[in-house]
Amino acid sequence: MARTHIKKAGVALLAALVVFQGCTLVVSSTDISRLRLGMTPDQAVMYLDRTPVIEHRFENGPGRTTFLAYYLRRADERPYFLVFSEDSLLFWGYPEECATSEIPGVAAGARRVQEALKEK
């Protein structure tokens, strides 16, 4: 009888760990250091080994801009953005870094993504 309860508890713990790992949307600074300009969104997700909190795509003038939002393993809970133009990584950073970027579409896109995160 006790063995059955232990076995059930073990299975429940394993299931919880699998679910928790799949829901972990935070990345470390070590993960971020693997990013390189020109990566595709699929490559970045593969290197970070996490799905983004949100993926936001929009048309920006002549092209398409994609934002992937993550959270870093820090207590501040600020989002961290990866910005792609035509599926090529061109910028990554915190919202305030995006706000001061001179790259067309980054500042405005970051504001749109922050609003989308608030709605989540």
PDB file of N, CA and C in Angstrom:
ATOM      1  N   MET A   1       0.822  -1.198   0.000  1.00  0.00           N
ATOM      2  CA  MET A   1       0.000   0.000   0.000  1.00  0.00           C
ATOM      3  C   MET A   1       0.868   1.264   0.000  1.00  0.00           C
ATOM      4  N   ALA A   2       1.850   1.348   0.905  1.00  0.00           N
ATOM      5  CA  ALA A   2       2.728   2.507   0.989  1.00  0.00           C
ATOM      6  C   ALA A   2       3.537   2.649  -0.296  1.00  0.00           C
ATOM      7  N   ARG A   3       3.915   1.513  -0.887  1.00  0.00           N
ATOM      8  CA  ARG A   3       4.693   1.527  -2.117  1.00  0.00           C
ATOM      9  C   ARG A   3       3.881   2.163  -3.258  1.00  0.00           C
ATOM     10  N   THR A   4       2.582   1.904  -3.303  1.00  0.00           N
ATOM     11  CA  THR A   4       1.704   2.480  -4.323  1.00  0.00           C
ATOM     12  C   THR A   4       1.624   3.992  -4.183  1.00  0.00           C
ATOM     13  N   HIS A   5       1.521   4.480  -2.946  1.00  0.00           N
ATOM     14  CA  HIS A   5       1.467   5.930  -2.714  1.00  0.00           C
ATOM     15  C   HIS A   5       2.776   6.589  -3.122  1.00  0.00           C
ATOM     16  N   ILE A   6       3.892   5.953  -2.820  1.00  0.00           N
ATOM     17  CA  ILE A   6       5.194   6.510  -3.191  1.00  0.00           C
ATOM     18  C   ILE A   6       5.324   6.545  -4.709  1.00  0.00           C
ATOM     19  N   LYS A   7       4.892   5.481  -5.371  1.00  0.00           N
ATOM     20  CA  LYS A   7       4.961   5.421  -6.821  1.00  0.00           C
ATOM     21  C   LYS A   7       4.091   6.521  -7.443  1.00  0.00           C
ATOM     22  N   LYS A   8       2.877   6.718  -6.928  1.00  0.00           N
ATOM     23  CA  LYS A   8       1.983   7.766  -7.440  1.00  0.00           C
ATOM     24  C   LYS A   8       2.579   9.144  -7.207  1.00  0.00           C
ATOM     25  N   ALA A   9       3.175   9.344  -6.034  1.00  0.00           N
ATOM     26  CA  ALA A   9       3.802  10.637  -5.730  1.00  0.00           C
ATOM     27  C   ALA A   9       4.977  10.889  -6.673  1.00  0.00           C
ATOM     28  N   GLY A  10       5.734   9.847  -6.957  1.00  0.00           N
ATOM     29  CA  GLY A  10       6.863   9.982  -7.885  1.00  0.00           C
ATOM     30  C   GLY A  10       6.411  10.346  -9.289  1.00  0.00           C
ATOM     31  N   VAL A  11       5.362   9.704  -9.751  1.00  0.00           N
ATOM     32  CA  VAL A  11       4.813   9.998 -11.081  1.00  0.00           C
ATOM     33  C   VAL A  11       4.287  11.430 -11.128  1.00  0.00           C
ATOM     34  N   ALA A  12       3.595  11.858 -10.086  1.00  0.00           N
ATOM     35  CA  ALA A  12       3.063  13.233 -10.025  1.00  0.00           C
ATOM     36  C   ALA A  12       4.194  14.248 -10.036  1.00  0.00           C
ATOM     37  N   LEU A  13       5.264  13.969  -9.296  1.00  0.00           N
ATOM     38  CA  LEU A  13       6.411  14.882  -9.256  1.00  0.00           C
ATOM     39  C   LEU A  13       7.072  14.969 -10.622  1.00  0.00           C
ATOM     40  N   LEU A  14       7.264  13.825 -11.265  1.00  0.00           N
ATOM     41  CA  LEU A  14       7.860  13.807 -12.596  1.00  0.00           C
ATOM     42  C   LEU A  14       6.997  14.596 -13.585  1.00  0.00           C
ATOM     43  N   ALA A  15       5.694  14.413 -13.539  1.00  0.00           N
ATOM     44  CA  ALA A  15       4.787  15.139 -14.428  1.00  0.00           C
ATOM     45  C   ALA A  15       4.865  16.642 -14.175  1.00  0.00           C
ATOM     46  N   ALA A  16       4.924  17.033 -12.909  1.00  0.00           N
ATOM     47  CA  ALA A  16       5.024  18.458 -12.569  1.00  0.00           C
ATOM     48  C   ALA A  16       6.329  19.055 -13.104  1.00  0.00           C
ATOM     49  N   LEU A  17       7.415  18.303 -12.998  1.00  0.00           N
ATOM     50  CA  LEU A  17       8.705  18.794 -13.499  1.00  0.00           C
ATOM     51  C   LEU A  17       8.683  18.959 -15.014  1.00  0.00           C
ATOM     52  N   VAL A  18       8.081  18.009 -15.702  1.00  0.00           N
ATOM     53  CA  VAL A  18       7.991  18.102 -17.156  1.00  0.00           C
ATOM     54  C   VAL A  18       7.154  19.312 -17.552  1.00  0.00           C
ATOM     55  N   VAL A  19       6.017  19.509 -16.912  1.00  0.00           N
ATOM     56  CA  VAL A  19       5.158  20.655 -17.209  1.00  0.00           C
ATOM     57  C   VAL A  19       5.874  21.957 -16.885  1.00  0.00           C
ATOM     58  N   PHE A  20       6.541  22.027 -15.722  1.00  0.00           N
ATOM     59  CA  PHE A  20       7.242  23.248 -15.327  1.00  0.00           C
ATOM     60  C   PHE A  20       8.348  23.573 -16.316  1.00  0.00           C
ATOM     61  N   GLN A  21       9.121  22.576 -16.735  1.00  0.00           N
ATOM     62  CA  GLN A  21      10.194  22.818 -17.688  1.00  0.00           C
ATOM     63  C   GLN A  21       9.640  23.360 -18.993  1.00  0.00           C
ATOM     64  N   GLY A  22       8.526  22.809 -19.437  1.00  0.00           N
ATOM     65  CA  GLY A  22       7.920  23.275 -20.674  1.00  0.00           C
ATOM     66  C   GLY A  22       7.374  24.677 -20.576  1.00  0.00           C
ATOM     67  N   CYS A  23       7.035  25.138 -19.378  1.00  0.00           N
ATOM     68  CA  CYS A  23       6.473  26.469 -19.182  1.00  0.00           C
ATOM     69  C   CYS A  23       7.529  27.514 -18.828  1.00  0.00           C
ATOM     70  N   THR A  24       8.765  27.099 -18.656  1.00  0.00           N
ATOM     71  CA  THR A  24       9.817  28.025 -18.269  1.00  0.00           C
ATOM     72  C   THR A  24      10.148  28.912 -19.457  1.00  0.00           C
ATOM     73  N   LEU A  25       9.858  30.180 -19.347  1.00  0.00           N
ATOM     74  CA  LEU A  25      10.060  31.112 -20.446  1.00  0.00           C
ATOM     75  C   LEU A  25      11.205  32.072 -20.173  1.00  0.00           C
ATOM     76  N   VAL A  26      11.958  31.824 -19.116  1.00  0.00           N
ATOM     77  CA  VAL A  26      13.078  32.697 -18.797  1.00  0.00           C
ATOM     78  C   VAL A  26      14.349  32.152 -19.418  1.00  0.00           C
ATOM     79  N   VAL A  27      15.238  33.047 -19.760  1.00  0.00           N
ATOM     80  CA  VAL A  27      16.533  32.669 -20.309  1.00  0.00           C
ATOM     81  C   VAL A  27      17.617  33.330 -19.470  1.00  0.00           C
ATOM     82  N   SER A  28      18.807  32.805 -19.545  1.00  0.00           N
ATOM     83  CA  SER A  28      19.920  33.352 -18.772  1.00  0.00           C
ATOM     84  C   SER A  28      20.773  34.255 -19.658  1.00  0.00           C
ATOM     85  N   SER A  29      21.651  35.012 -19.030  1.00  0.00           N
ATOM     86  CA  SER A  29      22.566  35.864 -19.798  1.00  0.00           C
ATOM     87  C   SER A  29      23.509  34.998 -20.633  1.00  0.00           C
ATOM     88  N   THR A  30      23.801  33.783 -20.158  1.00  0.00           N
ATOM     89  CA  THR A  30      24.617  32.848 -20.938  1.00  0.00           C
ATOM     90  C   THR A  30      23.879  32.462 -22.210  1.00  0.00           C
ATOM     91  N   ASP A  31      22.566  32.215 -22.090  1.00  0.00           N
ATOM     92  CA  ASP A  31      21.759  31.906 -23.277  1.00  0.00           C
ATOM     93  C   ASP A  31      21.814  33.065 -24.266  1.00  0.00           C
ATOM     94  N   ILE A  32      21.658  34.269 -23.765  1.00  0.00           N
ATOM     95  CA  ILE A  32      21.652  35.464 -24.620  1.00  0.00           C
ATOM     96  C   ILE A  32      22.992  35.630 -25.341  1.00  0.00           C
ATOM     97  N   SER A  33      24.084  35.260 -24.678  1.00  0.00           N
ATOM     98  CA  SER A  33      25.410  35.427 -25.286  1.00  0.00           C
ATOM     99  C   SER A  33      25.598  34.551 -26.523  1.00  0.00           C
ATOM    100  N   ARG A  34      24.720  33.579 -26.732  1.00  0.00           N
ATOM    101  CA  ARG A  34      24.800  32.710 -27.913  1.00  0.00           C
ATOM    102  C   ARG A  34      24.204  33.361 -29.165  1.00  0.00           C
ATOM    103  N   LEU A  35      23.469  34.442 -28.986  1.00  0.00           N
ATOM    104  CA  LEU A  35      22.818  35.092 -30.123  1.00  0.00           C
ATOM    105  C   LEU A  35      23.839  35.769 -31.021  1.00  0.00           C
ATOM    106  N   ARG A  36      23.557  35.758 -32.315  1.00  0.00           N
ATOM    107  CA  ARG A  36      24.421  36.398 -33.309  1.00  0.00           C
ATOM    108  C   ARG A  36      23.555  37.153 -34.311  1.00  0.00           C
ATOM    109  N   LEU A  37      24.035  38.300 -34.745  1.00  0.00           N
ATOM    110  CA  LEU A  37      23.337  39.050 -35.783  1.00  0.00           C
ATOM    111  C   LEU A  37      23.109  38.147 -36.986  1.00  0.00           C
ATOM    112  N   GLY A  38      21.943  38.289 -37.591  1.00  0.00           N
ATOM    113  CA  GLY A  38      21.627  37.533 -38.790  1.00  0.00           C
ATOM    114  C   GLY A  38      20.935  36.203 -38.543  1.00  0.00           C
ATOM    115  N   MET A  39      20.864  35.758 -37.288  1.00  0.00           N
ATOM    116  CA  MET A  39      20.148  34.507 -36.998  1.00  0.00           C
ATOM    117  C   MET A  39      18.688  34.643 -37.399  1.00  0.00           C
ATOM    118  N   THR A  40      18.074  33.522 -37.741  1.00  0.00           N
ATOM    119  CA  THR A  40      16.635  33.511 -38.008  1.00  0.00           C
ATOM    120  C   THR A  40      15.907  33.331 -36.675  1.00  0.00           C
ATOM    121  N   PRO A  41      14.609  33.629 -36.622  1.00  0.00           N
ATOM    122  CA  PRO A  41      13.862  33.373 -35.385  1.00  0.00           C
ATOM    123  C   PRO A  41      13.949  31.908 -34.942  1.00  0.00           C
ATOM    124  N   ASP A  42      13.878  30.982 -35.886  1.00  0.00           N
ATOM    125  CA  ASP A  42      13.968  29.563 -35.528  1.00  0.00           C
ATOM    126  C   ASP A  42      15.327  29.227 -34.908  1.00  0.00           C
ATOM    127  N   GLN A  43      16.397  29.786 -35.455  1.00  0.00           N
ATOM    128  CA  GLN A  43      17.730  29.542 -34.892  1.00  0.00           C
ATOM    129  C   GLN A  43      17.834  30.103 -33.482  1.00  0.00           C
ATOM    130  N   ALA A  44      17.317  31.314 -33.278  1.00  0.00           N
ATOM    131  CA  ALA A  44      17.390  31.938 -31.957  1.00  0.00           C
ATOM    132  C   ALA A  44      16.626  31.114 -30.927  1.00  0.00           C
ATOM    133  N   VAL A  45      15.425  30.666 -31.287  1.00  0.00           N
ATOM    134  CA  VAL A  45      14.627  29.854 -30.371  1.00  0.00           C
ATOM    135  C   VAL A  45      15.372  28.556 -30.056  1.00  0.00           C
ATOM    136  N   MET A  46      16.017  27.974 -31.067  1.00  0.00           N
ATOM    137  CA  MET A  46      16.768  26.741 -30.853  1.00  0.00           C
ATOM    138  C   MET A  46      17.949  26.981 -29.896  1.00  0.00           C
ATOM    139  N   TYR A  47      18.692  28.057 -30.100  1.00  0.00           N
ATOM    140  CA  TYR A  47      19.835  28.353 -29.238  1.00  0.00           C
ATOM    141  C   TYR A  47      19.402  28.670 -27.810  1.00  0.00           C
ATOM    142  N   LEU A  48      18.278  29.378 -27.672  1.00  0.00           N
ATOM    143  CA  LEU A  48      17.795  29.725 -26.333  1.00  0.00           C
ATOM    144  C   LEU A  48      17.095  28.552 -25.667  1.00  0.00           C
ATOM    145  N   ASP A  49      16.673  27.580 -26.455  1.00  0.00           N
ATOM    146  CA  ASP A  49      16.027  26.365 -25.959  1.00  0.00           C
ATOM    147  C   ASP A  49      14.759  26.679 -25.165  1.00  0.00           C
ATOM    148  N   ARG A  50      14.075  27.738 -25.543  1.00  0.00           N
ATOM    149  CA  ARG A  50      12.816  28.140 -24.904  1.00  0.00           C
ATOM    150  C   ARG A  50      11.922  28.781 -25.948  1.00  0.00           C
ATOM    151  N   THR A  51      10.636  28.557 -25.814  1.00  0.00           N
ATOM    152  CA  THR A  51       9.711  29.285 -26.672  1.00  0.00           C
ATOM    153  C   THR A  51       9.545  30.689 -26.087  1.00  0.00           C
ATOM    154  N   PRO A  52       9.295  31.670 -26.915  1.00  0.00           N
ATOM    155  CA  PRO A  52       9.137  33.029 -26.386  1.00  0.00           C
ATOM    156  C   PRO A  52       7.820  33.203 -25.634  1.00  0.00           C
ATOM    157  N   VAL A  53       7.789  34.190 -24.753  1.00  0.00           N
ATOM    158  CA  VAL A  53       6.558  34.552 -24.048  1.00  0.00           C
ATOM    159  C   VAL A  53       5.526  35.010 -25.069  1.00  0.00           C
ATOM    160  N   ILE A  54       5.995  35.762 -26.041  1.00  0.00           N
ATOM    161  CA  ILE A  54       5.110  36.259 -27.092  1.00  0.00           C
ATOM    162  C   ILE A  54       5.928  36.421 -28.361  1.00  0.00           C
ATOM    163  N   GLU A  55       5.273  36.178 -29.478  1.00  0.00           N
ATOM    164  CA  GLU A  55       5.872  36.451 -30.788  1.00  0.00           C
ATOM    165  C   GLU A  55       4.947  37.437 -31.469  1.00  0.00           C
ATOM    166  N   HIS A  56       5.501  38.570 -31.882  1.00  0.00           N
ATOM    167  CA  HIS A  56       4.686  39.625 -32.467  1.00  0.00           C
ATOM    168  C   HIS A  56       5.279  40.005 -33.817  1.00  0.00           C
ATOM    169  N   ARG A  57       4.504  39.845 -34.879  1.00  0.00           N
ATOM    170  CA  ARG A  57       4.951  40.192 -36.235  1.00  0.00           C
ATOM    171  C   ARG A  57       4.092  41.328 -36.774  1.00  0.00           C
ATOM    172  N   PHE A  58       4.732  42.236 -37.456  1.00  0.00           N
ATOM    173  CA  PHE A  58       3.971  43.296 -38.103  1.00  0.00           C
ATOM    174  C   PHE A  58       4.742  43.839 -39.292  1.00  0.00           C
ATOM    175  N   GLU A  59       3.995  44.424 -40.211  1.00  0.00           N
ATOM    176  CA  GLU A  59       4.601  45.042 -41.388  1.00  0.00           C
ATOM    177  C   GLU A  59       5.166  46.388 -40.973  1.00  0.00           C
ATOM    178  N   ASN A  60       6.373  46.656 -41.406  1.00  0.00           N
ATOM    179  CA  ASN A  60       7.060  47.893 -41.041  1.00  0.00           C
ATOM    180  C   ASN A  60       7.592  48.521 -42.322  1.00  0.00           C
ATOM    181  N   GLY A  61       6.795  49.396 -42.907  1.00  0.00           N
ATOM    182  CA  GLY A  61       7.219  50.000 -44.162  1.00  0.00           C
ATOM    183  C   GLY A  61       7.338  48.932 -45.241  1.00  0.00           C
ATOM    184  N   PRO A  62       8.521  48.819 -45.824  1.00  0.00           N
ATOM    185  CA  PRO A  62       8.670  47.874 -46.926  1.00  0.00           C
ATOM    186  C   PRO A  62       8.849  46.415 -46.492  1.00  0.00           C
ATOM    187  N   GLY A  63       9.069  46.167 -45.223  1.00  0.00           N
ATOM    188  CA  GLY A  63       9.366  44.796 -44.791  1.00  0.00           C
ATOM    189  C   GLY A  63       8.559  44.344 -43.594  1.00  0.00           C
ATOM    190  N   ARG A  64       8.952  43.193 -43.065  1.00  0.00           N
ATOM    191  CA  ARG A  64       8.282  42.596 -41.914  1.00  0.00           C
ATOM    192  C   ARG A  64       9.244  42.589 -40.730  1.00  0.00           C
ATOM    193  N   THR A  65       8.737  42.975 -39.564  1.00  0.00           N
ATOM    194  CA  THR A  65       9.520  42.963 -38.336  1.00  0.00           C
ATOM    195  C   THR A  65       8.895  41.954 -37.384  1.00  0.00           C
ATOM    196  N   THR A  66       9.731  41.169 -36.743  1.00  0.00           N
ATOM    197  CA  THR A  66       9.279  40.175 -35.778  1.00  0.00           C
ATOM    198  C   THR A  66       9.957  40.434 -34.449  1.00  0.00           C
ATOM    199  N   PHE A  67       9.164  40.462 -33.382  1.00  0.00           N
ATOM    200  CA  PHE A  67       9.692  40.576 -32.027  1.00  0.00           C
ATOM    201  C   PHE A  67       9.430  39.271 -31.285  1.00  0.00           C
ATOM    202  N   LEU A  68      10.434  38.732 -30.621  1.00  0.00           N
ATOM    203  CA  LEU A  68      10.261  37.617 -29.697  1.00  0.00           C
ATOM    204  C   LEU A  68      10.560  38.169 -28.312  1.00  0.00           C
ATOM    205  N   ALA A  69       9.685  37.935 -27.363  1.00  0.00           N
ATOM    206  CA  ALA A  69       9.876  38.446 -26.005  1.00  0.00           C
ATOM    207  C   ALA A  69      10.161  37.289 -25.054  1.00  0.00           C
ATOM    208  N   TYR A  70      11.161  37.476 -24.207  1.00  0.00           N
ATOM    209  CA  TYR A  70      11.542  36.517 -23.169  1.00  0.00           C
ATOM    210  C   TYR A  70      11.675  37.267 -21.857  1.00  0.00           C
ATOM    211  N   TYR A  71      11.898  36.551 -20.794  1.00  0.00           N
ATOM    212  CA  TYR A  71      12.276  37.140 -19.515  1.00  0.00           C
ATOM    213  C   TYR A  71      13.618  36.559 -19.126  1.00  0.00           C
ATOM    214  N   LEU A  72      14.503  37.419 -18.641  1.00  0.00           N
ATOM    215  CA  LEU A  72      15.798  36.952 -18.157  1.00  0.00           C
ATOM    216  C   LEU A  72      15.650  36.456 -16.733  1.00  0.00           C
ATOM    217  N   ARG A  73      16.542  35.611 -16.307  1.00  0.00           N
ATOM    218  CA  ARG A  73      16.522  35.085 -14.935  1.00  0.00           C
ATOM    219  C   ARG A  73      17.010  36.161 -13.979  1.00  0.00           C
ATOM    220  N   ARG A  74      16.153  37.095 -13.706  1.00  0.00           N
ATOM    221  CA  ARG A  74      16.435  38.188 -12.773  1.00  0.00           C
ATOM    222  C   ARG A  74      15.165  38.498 -12.023  1.00  0.00           C
ATOM    223  N   ALA A  75      15.314  39.222 -10.967  1.00  0.00           N
ATOM    224  CA  ALA A  75      14.148  39.533 -10.132  1.00  0.00           C
ATOM    225  C   ALA A  75      13.295  40.662 -10.710  1.00  0.00           C
ATOM    226  N   ASP A  76      13.801  41.398 -11.680  1.00  0.00           N
ATOM    227  CA  ASP A  76      13.078  42.585 -12.139  1.00  0.00           C
ATOM    228  C   ASP A  76      11.897  42.285 -13.062  1.00  0.00           C
ATOM    229  N   GLU A  77      11.797  41.068 -13.613  1.00  0.00           N
ATOM    230  CA  GLU A  77      10.641  40.677 -14.426  1.00  0.00           C
ATOM    231  C   GLU A  77      10.419  41.560 -15.655  1.00  0.00           C
ATOM    232  N   ARG A  78      11.466  42.189 -16.139  1.00  0.00           N
ATOM    233  CA  ARG A  78      11.323  42.987 -17.359  1.00  0.00           C
ATOM    234  C   ARG A  78      11.454  42.086 -18.579  1.00  0.00           C
ATOM    235  N   PRO A  79      10.693  42.373 -19.621  1.00  0.00           N
ATOM    236  CA  PRO A  79      10.845  41.568 -20.836  1.00  0.00           C
ATOM    237  C   PRO A  79      12.163  41.893 -21.535  1.00  0.00           C
ATOM    238  N   TYR A  80      12.608  40.962 -22.327  1.00  0.00           N
ATOM    239  CA  TYR A  80      13.824  41.112 -23.116  1.00  0.00           C
ATOM    240  C   TYR A  80      13.450  40.760 -24.546  1.00  0.00           C
ATOM    241  N   PHE A  81      13.727  41.658 -25.481  1.00  0.00           N
ATOM    242  CA  PHE A  81      13.245  41.511 -26.848  1.00  0.00           C
ATOM    243  C   PHE A  81      14.351  41.100 -27.813  1.00  0.00           C
ATOM    244  N   LEU A  82      13.995  40.224 -28.731  1.00  0.00           N
ATOM    245  CA  LEU A  82      14.817  39.896 -29.882  1.00  0.00           C
ATOM    246  C   LEU A  82      14.073  40.457 -31.081  1.00  0.00           C
ATOM    247  N   VAL A  83      14.736  41.253 -31.893  1.00  0.00           N
ATOM    248  CA  VAL A  83      14.091  41.939 -33.009  1.00  0.00           C
ATOM    249  C   VAL A  83      14.687  41.435 -34.325  1.00  0.00           C
ATOM    250  N   PHE A  84      13.799  40.991 -35.199  1.00  0.00           N
ATOM    251  CA  PHE A  84      14.205  40.463 -36.503  1.00  0.00           C
ATOM    252  C   PHE A  84      13.597  41.311 -37.599  1.00  0.00           C
ATOM    253  N   SER A  85      14.362  41.565 -38.623  1.00  0.00           N
ATOM    254  CA  SER A  85      13.837  42.217 -39.817  1.00  0.00           C
ATOM    255  C   SER A  85      13.982  41.218 -40.952  1.00  0.00           C
ATOM    256  N   GLU A  86      12.849  40.894 -41.583  1.00  0.00           N
ATOM    257  CA  GLU A  86      12.849  39.893 -42.653  1.00  0.00           C
ATOM    258  C   GLU A  86      13.557  38.612 -42.201  1.00  0.00           C
ATOM    259  N   ASP A  87      13.243  38.170 -40.990  1.00  0.00           N
ATOM    260  CA  ASP A  87      13.765  36.927 -40.413  1.00  0.00           C
ATOM    261  C   ASP A  87      15.279  36.918 -40.191  1.00  0.00           C
ATOM    262  N   SER A  88      15.852  38.074 -39.968  1.00  0.00           N
ATOM    263  CA  SER A  88      17.271  38.190 -39.663  1.00  0.00           C
ATOM    264  C   SER A  88      17.426  39.004 -38.373  1.00  0.00           C
ATOM    265  N   LEU A  89      18.063  38.423 -37.353  1.00  0.00           N
ATOM    266  CA  LEU A  89      18.219  39.103 -36.067  1.00  0.00           C
ATOM    267  C   LEU A  89      19.065  40.351 -36.250  1.00  0.00           C
ATOM    268  N   LEU A  90      18.494  41.498 -35.846  1.00  0.00           N
ATOM    269  CA  LEU A  90      19.243  42.737 -35.987  1.00  0.00           C
ATOM    270  C   LEU A  90      19.411  43.500 -34.682  1.00  0.00           C
ATOM    271  N   PHE A  91      18.678  43.110 -33.614  1.00  0.00           N
ATOM    272  CA  PHE A  91      18.781  43.851 -32.360  1.00  0.00           C
ATOM    273  C   PHE A  91      18.219  42.991 -31.242  1.00  0.00           C
ATOM    274  N   TRP A  92      18.803  43.098 -30.049  1.00  0.00           N
ATOM    275  CA  TRP A  92      18.204  42.472 -28.868  1.00  0.00           C
ATOM    276  C   TRP A  92      18.532  43.312 -27.655  1.00  0.00           C
ATOM    277  N   GLY A  93      17.551  43.393 -26.738  1.00  0.00           N
ATOM    278  CA  GLY A  93      17.746  44.188 -25.535  1.00  0.00           C
ATOM    279  C   GLY A  93      16.446  44.421 -24.784  1.00  0.00           C
ATOM    280  N   TYR A  94      16.586  45.170 -23.689  1.00  0.00           N
ATOM    281  CA  TYR A  94      15.435  45.539 -22.871  1.00  0.00           C
ATOM    282  C   TYR A  94      14.602  46.610 -23.584  1.00  0.00           C
ATOM    283  N   PRO A  95      13.352  46.796 -23.168  1.00  0.00           N
ATOM    284  CA  PRO A  95      12.506  47.806 -23.816  1.00  0.00           C
ATOM    285  C   PRO A  95      13.136  49.204 -23.860  1.00  0.00           C
ATOM    286  N   GLU A  96      13.785  49.602 -22.784  1.00  0.00           N
ATOM    287  CA  GLU A  96      14.388  50.949 -22.792  1.00  0.00           C
ATOM    288  C   GLU A  96      15.550  51.046 -23.776  1.00  0.00           C
ATOM    289  N   GLU A  97      16.221  49.939 -24.040  1.00  0.00           N
ATOM    290  CA  GLU A  97      17.273  49.932 -25.060  1.00  0.00           C
ATOM    291  C   GLU A  97      16.644  49.997 -26.447  1.00  0.00           C
ATOM    292  N   CYS A  98      15.529  49.312 -26.619  1.00  0.00           N
ATOM    293  CA  CYS A  98      14.794  49.381 -27.883  1.00  0.00           C
ATOM    294  C   CYS A  98      14.304  50.806 -28.139  1.00  0.00           C
ATOM    295  N   ALA A  99      13.851  51.473 -27.077  1.00  0.00           N
ATOM    296  CA  ALA A  99      13.291  52.826 -27.206  1.00  0.00           C
ATOM    297  C   ALA A  99      14.314  53.826 -27.728  1.00  0.00           C
ATOM    298  N   THR A 100      15.595  53.586 -27.460  1.00  0.00           N
ATOM    299  CA  THR A 100      16.628  54.520 -27.909  1.00  0.00           C
ATOM    300  C   THR A 100      17.322  54.058 -29.189  1.00  0.00           C
ATOM    301  N   SER A 101      16.869  52.937 -29.737  1.00  0.00           N
ATOM    302  CA  SER A 101      17.481  52.424 -30.960  1.00  0.00           C
ATOM    303  C   SER A 101      17.165  53.334 -32.142  1.00  0.00           C
ATOM    304  N   GLU A 102      18.153  53.515 -32.993  1.00  0.00           N
ATOM    305  CA  GLU A 102      17.955  54.301 -34.206  1.00  0.00           C
ATOM    306  C   GLU A 102      17.574  53.425 -35.390  1.00  0.00           C
ATOM    307  N   ILE A 103      17.463  52.120 -35.157  1.00  0.00           N
ATOM    308  CA  ILE A 103      17.063  51.207 -36.220  1.00  0.00           C
ATOM    309  C   ILE A 103      15.564  51.409 -36.468  1.00  0.00           C
ATOM    310  N   PRO A 104      15.184  51.686 -37.720  1.00  0.00           N
ATOM    311  CA  PRO A 104      13.769  51.947 -38.013  1.00  0.00           C
ATOM    312  C   PRO A 104      12.857  50.814 -37.550  1.00  0.00           C
ATOM    313  N   GLY A 105      11.795  51.195 -36.859  1.00  0.00           N
ATOM    314  CA  GLY A 105      10.780  50.251 -36.423  1.00  0.00           C
ATOM    315  C   GLY A 105      11.013  49.609 -35.073  1.00  0.00           C
ATOM    316  N   VAL A 106      12.218  49.684 -34.526  1.00  0.00           N
ATOM    317  CA  VAL A 106      12.514  49.000 -33.263  1.00  0.00           C
ATOM    318  C   VAL A 106      11.791  49.662 -32.092  1.00  0.00           C
ATOM    319  N   ALA A 107      11.901  50.976 -31.963  1.00  0.00           N
ATOM    320  CA  ALA A 107      11.277  51.673 -30.832  1.00  0.00           C
ATOM    321  C   ALA A 107       9.752  51.536 -30.870  1.00  0.00           C
ATOM    322  N   ALA A 108       9.167  51.794 -32.027  1.00  0.00           N
ATOM    323  CA  ALA A 108       7.701  51.701 -32.148  1.00  0.00           C
ATOM    324  C   ALA A 108       7.235  50.263 -31.956  1.00  0.00           C
ATOM    325  N   GLY A 109       7.959  49.314 -32.493  1.00  0.00           N
ATOM    326  CA  GLY A 109       7.602  47.914 -32.333  1.00  0.00           C
ATOM    327  C   GLY A 109       7.679  47.463 -30.889  1.00  0.00           C
ATOM    328  N   ALA A 110       8.696  47.929 -30.179  1.00  0.00           N
ATOM    329  CA  ALA A 110       8.846  47.565 -28.762  1.00  0.00           C
ATOM    330  C   ALA A 110       7.653  48.052 -27.951  1.00  0.00           C
ATOM    331  N   ARG A 111       7.165  49.251 -28.251  1.00  0.00           N
ATOM    332  CA  ARG A 111       5.982  49.769 -27.547  1.00  0.00           C
ATOM    333  C   ARG A 111       4.767  48.879 -27.822  1.00  0.00           C
ATOM    334  N   ARG A 112       4.607  48.454 -29.064  1.00  0.00           N
ATOM    335  CA  ARG A 112       3.475  47.582 -29.434  1.00  0.00           C
ATOM    336  C   ARG A 112       3.557  46.242 -28.707  1.00  0.00           C
ATOM    337  N   VAL A 113       4.759  45.695 -28.617  1.00  0.00           N
ATOM    338  CA  VAL A 113       4.935  44.394 -27.959  1.00  0.00           C
ATOM    339  C   VAL A 113       4.697  44.516 -26.458  1.00  0.00           C
ATOM    340  N   GLN A 114       5.152  45.622 -25.854  1.00  0.00           N
ATOM    341  CA  GLN A 114       4.893  45.828 -24.425  1.00  0.00           C
ATOM    342  C   GLN A 114       3.398  45.894 -24.149  1.00  0.00           C
ATOM    343  N   GLU A 115       2.649  46.538 -25.013  1.00  0.00           N
ATOM    344  CA  GLU A 115       1.195  46.591 -24.843  1.00  0.00           C
ATOM    345  C   GLU A 115       0.595  45.195 -24.972  1.00  0.00           C
ATOM    346  N   ALA A 116       1.078  44.424 -25.925  1.00  0.00           N
ATOM    347  CA  ALA A 116       0.576  43.059 -26.100  1.00  0.00           C
ATOM    348  C   ALA A 116       0.898  42.198 -24.876  1.00  0.00           C
ATOM    349  N   LEU A 117       2.061  42.415 -24.278  1.00  0.00           N
ATOM    350  CA  LEU A 117       2.418  41.664 -23.059  1.00  0.00           C
ATOM    351  C   LEU A 117       1.505  42.012 -21.901  1.00  0.00           C
ATOM    352  N   LYS A 118       1.110  43.282 -21.813  1.00  0.00           N
ATOM    353  CA  LYS A 118       0.209  43.699 -20.728  1.00  0.00           C
ATOM    354  C   LYS A 118      -1.149  43.026 -20.856  1.00  0.00           C
ATOM    355  N   GLU A 119      -1.554  42.756 -22.082  1.00  0.00           N
ATOM    356  CA  GLU A 119      -2.852  42.122 -22.328  1.00  0.00           C
ATOM    357  C   GLU A 119      -2.838  40.634 -22.047  1.00  0.00           C
ATOM    358  N   LYS A 120      -1.652  40.048 -21.984  1.00  0.00           N
ATOM    359  CA  LYS A 120      -1.545  38.594 -21.732  1.00  0.00           C
ATOM    360  C   LYS A 120      -1.891  38.239 -20.329  1.00  0.00           C
TER     361      LYS A 120
END
